Protein backbone atom coordinates (compact mmCIF):
# COMPACT_ATOMS: atom_id res chain seq x y z
CA MET A 1 23.66 6.39 -12.20
CA SER A 2 22.60 7.43 -8.70
CA VAL A 3 19.35 8.78 -7.65
CA SER A 4 18.93 11.73 -5.31
CA ILE A 5 15.75 11.29 -2.68
CA VAL A 6 15.00 13.55 0.02
CA TYR A 7 12.87 12.99 3.11
CA LEU A 8 11.40 15.34 5.54
CA ASP A 9 9.79 14.28 8.96
CA ASP A 10 10.11 15.68 12.38
CA GLU A 11 11.12 12.46 14.14
CA THR A 12 14.82 12.55 13.87
CA ASP A 13 15.06 8.87 14.40
CA LEU A 14 13.21 8.01 11.34
CA CYS A 15 15.57 10.71 9.51
CA GLU A 16 18.56 8.75 10.68
CA MET A 17 16.97 5.57 9.67
CA PHE A 18 16.11 6.58 6.27
CA GLU A 19 19.49 7.94 5.47
CA GLU A 20 21.11 4.85 6.85
CA MET A 21 19.05 2.51 4.48
CA PHE A 22 20.64 3.95 1.49
CA LEU A 23 24.26 3.71 2.47
CA ARG A 24 25.45 1.10 0.20
CA THR A 25 23.30 1.98 -2.69
CA ASP A 26 23.18 4.26 -5.50
CA ILE A 27 20.59 6.21 -3.93
CA GLN A 28 21.99 9.53 -2.38
CA ALA A 29 19.28 9.96 0.33
CA LYS A 30 19.18 13.15 2.50
CA ALA A 31 16.74 13.44 5.31
CA PHE A 32 15.61 16.56 7.47
CA SER A 33 13.55 17.06 10.71
CA GLU A 34 13.00 20.79 10.29
CA PRO A 35 11.40 22.21 7.27
CA ALA A 36 13.56 25.21 7.09
CA ASP A 37 16.66 23.08 6.88
CA PHE A 38 14.98 20.98 4.10
CA PHE A 39 13.80 24.12 2.25
CA GLU A 40 17.38 25.45 2.28
CA TYR A 41 18.61 22.58 0.84
CA MET A 42 16.27 22.09 -1.92
CA LYS A 43 17.13 25.63 -2.73
CA ALA A 44 20.74 24.46 -3.76
CA HIS A 45 20.07 20.82 -4.61
CA SER A 46 17.60 18.94 -7.13
CA SER A 47 16.06 15.60 -6.16
CA ASP A 48 14.40 12.97 -8.19
CA VAL A 49 11.78 11.88 -5.67
CA ILE A 50 10.85 13.78 -2.46
CA PHE A 51 9.25 12.04 0.58
CA LEU A 52 7.04 13.88 2.97
CA ASP A 53 5.42 13.19 6.17
CA TYR A 54 2.14 14.48 6.58
CA ARG A 55 2.16 15.71 10.32
CA LEU A 56 4.75 18.32 10.86
CA PRO A 57 4.92 20.81 13.60
CA ASN A 58 3.04 23.96 12.50
CA THR A 59 2.32 22.55 9.11
CA ASN A 60 1.87 19.43 7.24
CA GLY A 61 3.28 17.67 4.07
CA ASP A 62 0.64 19.00 1.70
CA ARG A 63 1.57 22.45 2.59
CA ILE A 64 5.01 21.87 2.08
CA ALA A 65 4.49 20.04 -1.32
CA ALA A 66 2.39 22.97 -2.71
CA GLN A 67 5.55 24.94 -2.25
CA LEU A 68 7.92 22.68 -4.30
CA ASN A 69 8.84 22.37 -8.00
CA SER A 70 5.62 20.66 -9.31
CA SER A 71 7.71 18.11 -11.56
CA THR A 72 9.37 16.41 -8.79
CA PRO A 73 7.59 13.08 -7.90
CA LYS A 74 6.15 13.52 -4.29
CA ILE A 75 5.46 10.79 -1.93
CA LEU A 76 3.23 11.38 1.33
CA VAL A 77 4.42 9.10 4.31
CA THR A 78 1.58 9.05 6.93
CA GLY A 79 0.35 6.83 9.68
CA ASP A 80 -2.99 7.87 9.09
CA LEU A 81 -4.17 6.64 5.61
CA GLN A 82 -7.54 8.53 5.87
CA VAL A 83 -5.48 11.99 5.27
CA LYS A 84 -6.84 13.65 1.90
CA PRO A 85 -3.99 15.43 0.66
CA GLU A 86 -4.71 18.40 -1.79
CA SER A 87 -1.15 18.24 -3.32
CA PRO A 88 -0.64 16.28 -6.11
CA PHE A 89 1.28 13.28 -4.62
CA VAL A 90 1.95 10.31 -6.91
CA LYS A 91 1.67 7.91 -3.82
CA ILE A 92 0.72 8.05 -0.25
CA ILE A 93 2.74 5.17 1.84
CA LYS A 94 1.96 4.31 5.41
CA LYS A 95 4.51 4.14 8.26
CA PRO A 96 6.01 2.05 9.03
CA TYR A 97 7.59 1.57 5.67
CA LYS A 98 10.04 -0.80 4.50
CA LYS A 99 13.18 -0.44 2.47
CA GLN A 100 11.86 -2.54 -0.40
CA GLN A 101 8.77 -0.69 -0.70
CA LEU A 102 10.79 2.37 -0.82
CA ILE A 103 13.12 1.21 -3.43
CA ASP A 104 10.27 -0.10 -5.57
CA ILE A 105 8.72 3.15 -5.67
CA ILE A 106 12.05 5.05 -6.48
CA LEU A 107 12.72 2.49 -9.28
CA GLU A 108 8.87 2.97 -10.68
CA LEU A 109 9.54 6.74 -10.74
CA THR A 110 12.81 7.08 -12.00
CA GLY A 111 13.16 4.22 -14.22
CA HIS A 112 16.73 3.17 -12.86
CA LEU A 113 19.11 1.74 -9.88
CA THR A 114 21.85 -0.17 -10.48
CA ASN A 115 23.18 -1.39 -6.88
CA GLN A 116 20.28 -1.32 -4.31
CA LYS A 117 21.25 -3.98 -1.74
């Protein structure tokens, strides 16, 4: 069974890296650098876990999370761990993150992964 994850970060290099991390896994990863593209995708697709960067142009991950389905687990990704989000994030992780850290979080939240190498 595959897991679907989505990531929103205004840094396009990080979006590319995020998708590449999961190419040979059972994790289907989509990353977006524009909130409008992210929301358009989310209208038509569901996700098991959502990763949101905190600092985004003209908004932040907290505001984005407030507009999303409340039952989908959300992870805040930030370089500033002093951030005090108002939205209910299940975790806050610091940049730079490692692939294994993400896999551990996804496994904890979804309870299943079969091919994660």
